[in-house]
């Protein structure tokens, strides 16, 4: 997907949706001083181009039983970065994964329904099955601010 520069109207529109993703189209149009069809068209364009995603977010620290961890991953071969981030990001517990500079090759955030047991399973079973991982280091998140996530679709089997 190609990167795109946002114009001022797109930025203001996204700003309003950031404050309230349920804001009615008419209210957005009035606030931006444009027509409702223009608002709809702009939103559809931003969603289609994968710049914007409108979703219900939750505070994982307010939901009993969810645990968040950050994992730094070092790969055996750097040539595998694109392949590995795709594989890792497709795992059910992974909230986000990024390729970074520095000590680690990839940093991952996981949201787990079963705390340390789930983290242990992720680190000793799921991650090693992908192959090509030299080492990892995990950090349990104790508290976070301004941290909203999609509710994980965790497998209950």
C-alpha atoms as a PDB file:
ATOM      1  CA  UNK A   1       0.000   0.000   0.000  1.00  0.00           C
ATOM      2  CA  UNK A   2       1.341   3.418  -0.974  1.00  0.00           C
ATOM      3  CA  UNK A   3       1.814   6.167   1.621  1.00  0.00           C
ATOM      4  CA  UNK A   4      -0.375   9.241   1.263  1.00  0.00           C
ATOM      5  CA  UNK A   5      -0.116  12.808   2.529  1.00  0.00           C
ATOM      6  CA  UNK A   6      -3.177  13.858   4.505  1.00  0.00           C
ATOM      7  CA  UNK A   7      -4.643  17.233   3.664  1.00  0.00           C
ATOM      8  CA  UNK A   8      -5.920  19.584   6.364  1.00  0.00           C
ATOM      9  CA  UNK A   9      -9.541  18.417   5.961  1.00  0.00           C
ATOM     10  CA  UNK A  10      -8.556  14.750   6.401  1.00  0.00           C
ATOM     11  CA  UNK A  11      -6.561  15.651   9.517  1.00  0.00           C
ATOM     12  CA  UNK A  12      -9.469  17.578  11.031  1.00  0.00           C
ATOM     13  CA  UNK A  13     -11.901  14.774  10.165  1.00  0.00           C
ATOM     14  CA  UNK A  14      -9.674  12.130  11.741  1.00  0.00           C
ATOM     15  CA  UNK A  15      -9.213  14.406  14.770  1.00  0.00           C
ATOM     16  CA  UNK A  16     -12.976  14.548  15.325  1.00  0.00           C
ATOM     17  CA  UNK A  17     -13.304  10.766  14.960  1.00  0.00           C
ATOM     18  CA  UNK A  18     -10.396  10.284  17.363  1.00  0.00           C
ATOM     19  CA  UNK A  19     -12.303  12.218  20.016  1.00  0.00           C
ATOM     20  CA  UNK A  20     -15.572  10.419  19.285  1.00  0.00           C
ATOM     21  CA  UNK A  21     -15.655   7.594  16.740  1.00  0.00           C
ATOM     22  CA  UNK A  22     -19.464   7.532  16.994  1.00  0.00           C
ATOM     23  CA  UNK A  23     -19.923  11.188  16.088  1.00  0.00           C
ATOM     24  CA  UNK A  24     -22.819  11.482  13.612  1.00  0.00           C
ATOM     25  CA  UNK A  25     -21.961  12.405  10.022  1.00  0.00           C
ATOM     26  CA  UNK A  26     -24.178  15.513  10.261  1.00  0.00           C
ATOM     27  CA  UNK A  27     -22.314  16.789  13.320  1.00  0.00           C
ATOM     28  CA  UNK A  28     -18.952  16.172  11.649  1.00  0.00           C
ATOM     29  CA  UNK A  29     -20.138  18.000   8.530  1.00  0.00           C
ATOM     30  CA  UNK A  30     -21.338  20.977  10.576  1.00  0.00           C
ATOM     31  CA  UNK A  31     -18.094  21.112  12.552  1.00  0.00           C
ATOM     32  CA  UNK A  32     -15.968  20.962   9.379  1.00  0.00           C
ATOM     33  CA  UNK A  33     -18.358  23.224   7.423  1.00  0.00           C
ATOM     34  CA  UNK A  34     -18.733  20.710   4.585  1.00  0.00           C
ATOM     35  CA  UNK A  35     -21.617  18.573   3.324  1.00  0.00           C
ATOM     36  CA  UNK A  36     -22.520  15.174   4.812  1.00  0.00           C
ATOM     37  CA  UNK A  37     -21.844  13.403   1.459  1.00  0.00           C
ATOM     38  CA  UNK A  38     -18.336  14.899   1.482  1.00  0.00           C
ATOM     39  CA  UNK A  39     -17.781  13.551   5.007  1.00  0.00           C
ATOM     40  CA  UNK A  40     -18.985  10.089   3.962  1.00  0.00           C
ATOM     41  CA  UNK A  41     -16.803  10.143   0.862  1.00  0.00           C
ATOM     42  CA  UNK A  42     -13.733  11.254   2.818  1.00  0.00           C
ATOM     43  CA  UNK A  43     -14.250   8.559   5.488  1.00  0.00           C
ATOM     44  CA  UNK A  44     -14.772   5.857   2.841  1.00  0.00           C
ATOM     45  CA  UNK A  45     -11.608   6.977   1.024  1.00  0.00           C
ATOM     46  CA  UNK A  46      -9.535   6.950   4.202  1.00  0.00           C
ATOM     47  CA  UNK A  47     -10.840   3.512   5.196  1.00  0.00           C
ATOM     48  CA  UNK A  48     -10.355   2.111   1.683  1.00  0.00           C
ATOM     49  CA  UNK A  49      -6.755   3.373   1.563  1.00  0.00           C
ATOM     50  CA  UNK A  50      -6.129   1.717   4.978  1.00  0.00           C
ATOM     51  CA  UNK A  51      -5.259   5.038   6.615  1.00  0.00           C
ATOM     52  CA  UNK A  52      -8.278   4.971   8.923  1.00  0.00           C
ATOM     53  CA  UNK A  53      -9.974   2.190  10.813  1.00  0.00           C
ATOM     54  CA  UNK A  54     -13.000   2.908  12.960  1.00  0.00           C
ATOM     55  CA  UNK A  55     -13.313   0.443  15.833  1.00  0.00           C
ATOM     56  CA  UNK A  56     -14.420   0.039  19.417  1.00  0.00           C
ATOM     57  CA  UNK A  57     -11.386   0.134  21.703  1.00  0.00           C
ATOM     58  CA  UNK A  58     -11.126  -1.136  25.258  1.00  0.00           C
ATOM     59  CA  UNK A  59      -8.891  -0.386  28.217  1.00  0.00           C
ATOM     60  CA  UNK A  60      -7.334  -3.820  28.766  1.00  0.00           C
ATOM     61  CA  UNK A  61      -6.438  -2.898  32.343  1.00  0.00           C
ATOM     62  CA  UNK A  62     -10.121  -2.519  33.176  1.00  0.00           C
ATOM     63  CA  UNK A  63     -11.010  -6.021  31.948  1.00  0.00           C
ATOM     64  CA  UNK A  64     -10.448  -8.767  34.480  1.00  0.00           C
ATOM     65  CA  UNK A  65      -8.154 -11.534  33.344  1.00  0.00           C
ATOM     66  CA  UNK A  66      -6.252  -9.777  30.549  1.00  0.00           C
ATOM     67  CA  UNK A  67      -2.481  -9.437  30.852  1.00  0.00           C
ATOM     68  CA  UNK A  68      -0.275  -7.411  28.522  1.00  0.00           C
ATOM     69  CA  UNK A  69       3.396  -8.106  27.769  1.00  0.00           C
ATOM     70  CA  UNK A  70       5.991  -6.563  25.458  1.00  0.00           C
ATOM     71  CA  UNK A  71       8.430  -8.993  23.839  1.00  0.00           C
ATOM     72  CA  UNK A  72      11.718  -8.079  22.165  1.00  0.00           C
ATOM     73  CA  UNK A  73      12.728 -10.637  19.539  1.00  0.00           C
ATOM     74  CA  UNK A  74      16.113 -11.236  17.919  1.00  0.00           C
ATOM     75  CA  UNK A  75      16.125 -13.186  14.658  1.00  0.00           C
ATOM     76  CA  UNK A  76      18.757 -15.614  13.438  1.00  0.00           C
ATOM     77  CA  UNK A  77      18.909 -13.864  10.046  1.00  0.00           C
ATOM     78  CA  UNK A  78      17.973 -10.240   9.315  1.00  0.00           C
ATOM     79  CA  UNK A  79      16.955 -11.176   5.778  1.00  0.00           C
ATOM     80  CA  UNK A  80      13.837 -12.763   7.307  1.00  0.00           C
ATOM     81  CA  UNK A  81      12.427  -9.544   8.806  1.00  0.00           C
ATOM     82  CA  UNK A  82       9.426  -9.152   6.508  1.00  0.00           C
ATOM     83  CA  UNK A  83       8.533 -12.852   6.607  1.00  0.00           C
ATOM     84  CA  UNK A  84       8.878 -13.095  10.396  1.00  0.00           C
ATOM     85  CA  UNK A  85       6.865  -9.986  11.215  1.00  0.00           C
ATOM     86  CA  UNK A  86       4.048 -11.337   9.036  1.00  0.00           C
ATOM     87  CA  UNK A  87       4.157 -14.700  10.819  1.00  0.00           C
ATOM     88  CA  UNK A  88       4.394 -13.199  14.294  1.00  0.00           C
ATOM     89  CA  UNK A  89       1.662 -10.621  13.719  1.00  0.00           C
ATOM     90  CA  UNK A  90      -0.721 -13.377  12.614  1.00  0.00           C
ATOM     91  CA  UNK A  91      -0.564 -15.105  16.025  1.00  0.00           C
ATOM     92  CA  UNK A  92      -3.825 -14.646  17.937  1.00  0.00           C
ATOM     93  CA  UNK A  93      -2.397 -13.014  21.057  1.00  0.00           C
ATOM     94  CA  UNK A  94      -0.346 -10.423  19.157  1.00  0.00           C
ATOM     95  CA  UNK A  95      -1.836  -6.943  19.358  1.00  0.00           C
ATOM     96  CA  UNK A  96       0.903  -5.280  17.310  1.00  0.00           C
ATOM     97  CA  UNK A  97       4.369  -6.078  15.974  1.00  0.00           C
ATOM     98  CA  UNK A  98       7.024  -3.662  14.710  1.00  0.00           C
ATOM     99  CA  UNK A  99      10.450  -3.919  13.097  1.00  0.00           C
ATOM    100  CA  UNK A 100      12.848  -1.685  15.028  1.00  0.00           C
ATOM    101  CA  UNK A 101      16.438  -0.525  15.194  1.00  0.00           C
ATOM    102  CA  UNK A 102      18.571  -1.319  18.213  1.00  0.00           C
ATOM    103  CA  UNK A 103      19.094  -4.478  20.253  1.00  0.00           C
ATOM    104  CA  UNK A 104      15.960  -6.272  19.007  1.00  0.00           C
ATOM    105  CA  UNK A 105      14.812  -6.908  15.464  1.00  0.00           C
ATOM    106  CA  UNK A 106      11.089  -7.057  16.238  1.00  0.00           C
ATOM    107  CA  UNK A 107       9.095  -5.845  19.231  1.00  0.00           C
ATOM    108  CA  UNK A 108       5.674  -7.344  19.879  1.00  0.00           C
ATOM    109  CA  UNK A 109       2.814  -6.561  22.234  1.00  0.00           C
ATOM    110  CA  UNK A 110       0.726  -9.537  23.314  1.00  0.00           C
ATOM    111  CA  UNK A 111      -2.534  -9.542  25.250  1.00  0.00           C
ATOM    112  CA  UNK A 112      -3.074 -12.780  27.155  1.00  0.00           C
ATOM    113  CA  UNK A 113      -6.156 -14.155  28.919  1.00  0.00           C
ATOM    114  CA  UNK A 114      -4.178 -16.337  31.288  1.00  0.00           C
ATOM    115  CA  UNK A 115      -1.270 -14.287  32.625  1.00  0.00           C
ATOM    116  CA  UNK A 116       2.126 -15.904  33.153  1.00  0.00           C
ATOM    117  CA  UNK A 117       0.841 -19.300  32.018  1.00  0.00           C
ATOM    118  CA  UNK A 118      -0.222 -17.769  28.701  1.00  0.00           C
ATOM    119  CA  UNK A 119       3.050 -15.868  28.326  1.00  0.00           C
ATOM    120  CA  UNK A 120       5.025 -19.039  29.041  1.00  0.00           C
ATOM    121  CA  UNK A 121       3.009 -20.956  26.429  1.00  0.00           C
ATOM    122  CA  UNK A 122       3.478 -18.158  23.890  1.00  0.00           C
ATOM    123  CA  UNK A 123       7.259 -18.005  24.457  1.00  0.00           C
ATOM    124  CA  UNK A 124       7.906 -21.749  24.645  1.00  0.00           C
ATOM    125  CA  UNK A 125       5.400 -23.160  22.156  1.00  0.00           C
ATOM    126  CA  UNK A 126       3.925 -20.675  19.691  1.00  0.00           C
ATOM    127  CA  UNK A 127       6.900 -18.414  18.995  1.00  0.00           C
ATOM    128  CA  UNK A 128       9.457 -21.242  18.544  1.00  0.00           C
ATOM    129  CA  UNK A 129       7.149 -23.011  16.059  1.00  0.00           C
ATOM    130  CA  UNK A 130       7.791 -20.147  13.631  1.00  0.00           C
ATOM    131  CA  UNK A 131      11.524 -20.907  13.524  1.00  0.00           C
ATOM    132  CA  UNK A 132      14.293 -18.418  12.825  1.00  0.00           C
ATOM    133  CA  UNK A 133      14.131 -16.805  16.277  1.00  0.00           C
ATOM    134  CA  UNK A 134      17.465 -16.607  18.097  1.00  0.00           C
ATOM    135  CA  UNK A 135      16.213 -15.148  21.382  1.00  0.00           C
ATOM    136  CA  UNK A 136      13.479 -13.137  23.050  1.00  0.00           C
ATOM    137  CA  UNK A 137      13.038 -11.047  26.167  1.00  0.00           C
ATOM    138  CA  UNK A 138       9.655 -10.366  27.737  1.00  0.00           C
ATOM    139  CA  UNK A 139       8.370  -7.491  29.845  1.00  0.00           C
ATOM    140  CA  UNK A 140       5.066  -7.719  31.720  1.00  0.00           C
ATOM    141  CA  UNK A 141       3.170  -4.424  31.538  1.00  0.00           C
ATOM    142  CA  UNK A 142       2.152  -3.413  35.060  1.00  0.00           C
ATOM    143  CA  UNK A 143       0.316  -0.184  34.233  1.00  0.00           C
ATOM    144  CA  UNK A 144      -0.305   1.964  31.166  1.00  0.00           C
ATOM    145  CA  UNK A 145      -1.823   5.345  30.326  1.00  0.00           C
ATOM    146  CA  UNK A 146      -3.656   6.285  27.140  1.00  0.00           C
ATOM    147  CA  UNK A 147      -3.602   2.612  26.177  1.00  0.00           C
ATOM    148  CA  UNK A 148      -6.673   1.529  24.247  1.00  0.00           C
ATOM    149  CA  UNK A 149      -6.744  -1.687  22.243  1.00  0.00           C
ATOM    150  CA  UNK A 150      -9.052  -3.842  20.196  1.00  0.00           C
ATOM    151  CA  UNK A 151     -10.575  -6.534  22.380  1.00  0.00           C
ATOM    152  CA  UNK A 152      -8.505  -9.642  21.609  1.00  0.00           C
ATOM    153  CA  UNK A 153     -10.288 -12.512  19.910  1.00  0.00           C
ATOM    154  CA  UNK A 154      -8.727 -15.103  22.150  1.00  0.00           C
ATOM    155  CA  UNK A 155      -9.236 -18.786  21.454  1.00  0.00           C
ATOM    156  CA  UNK A 156     -11.033 -20.478  24.357  1.00  0.00           C
ATOM    157  CA  UNK A 157     -10.199 -24.037  23.265  1.00  0.00           C
END
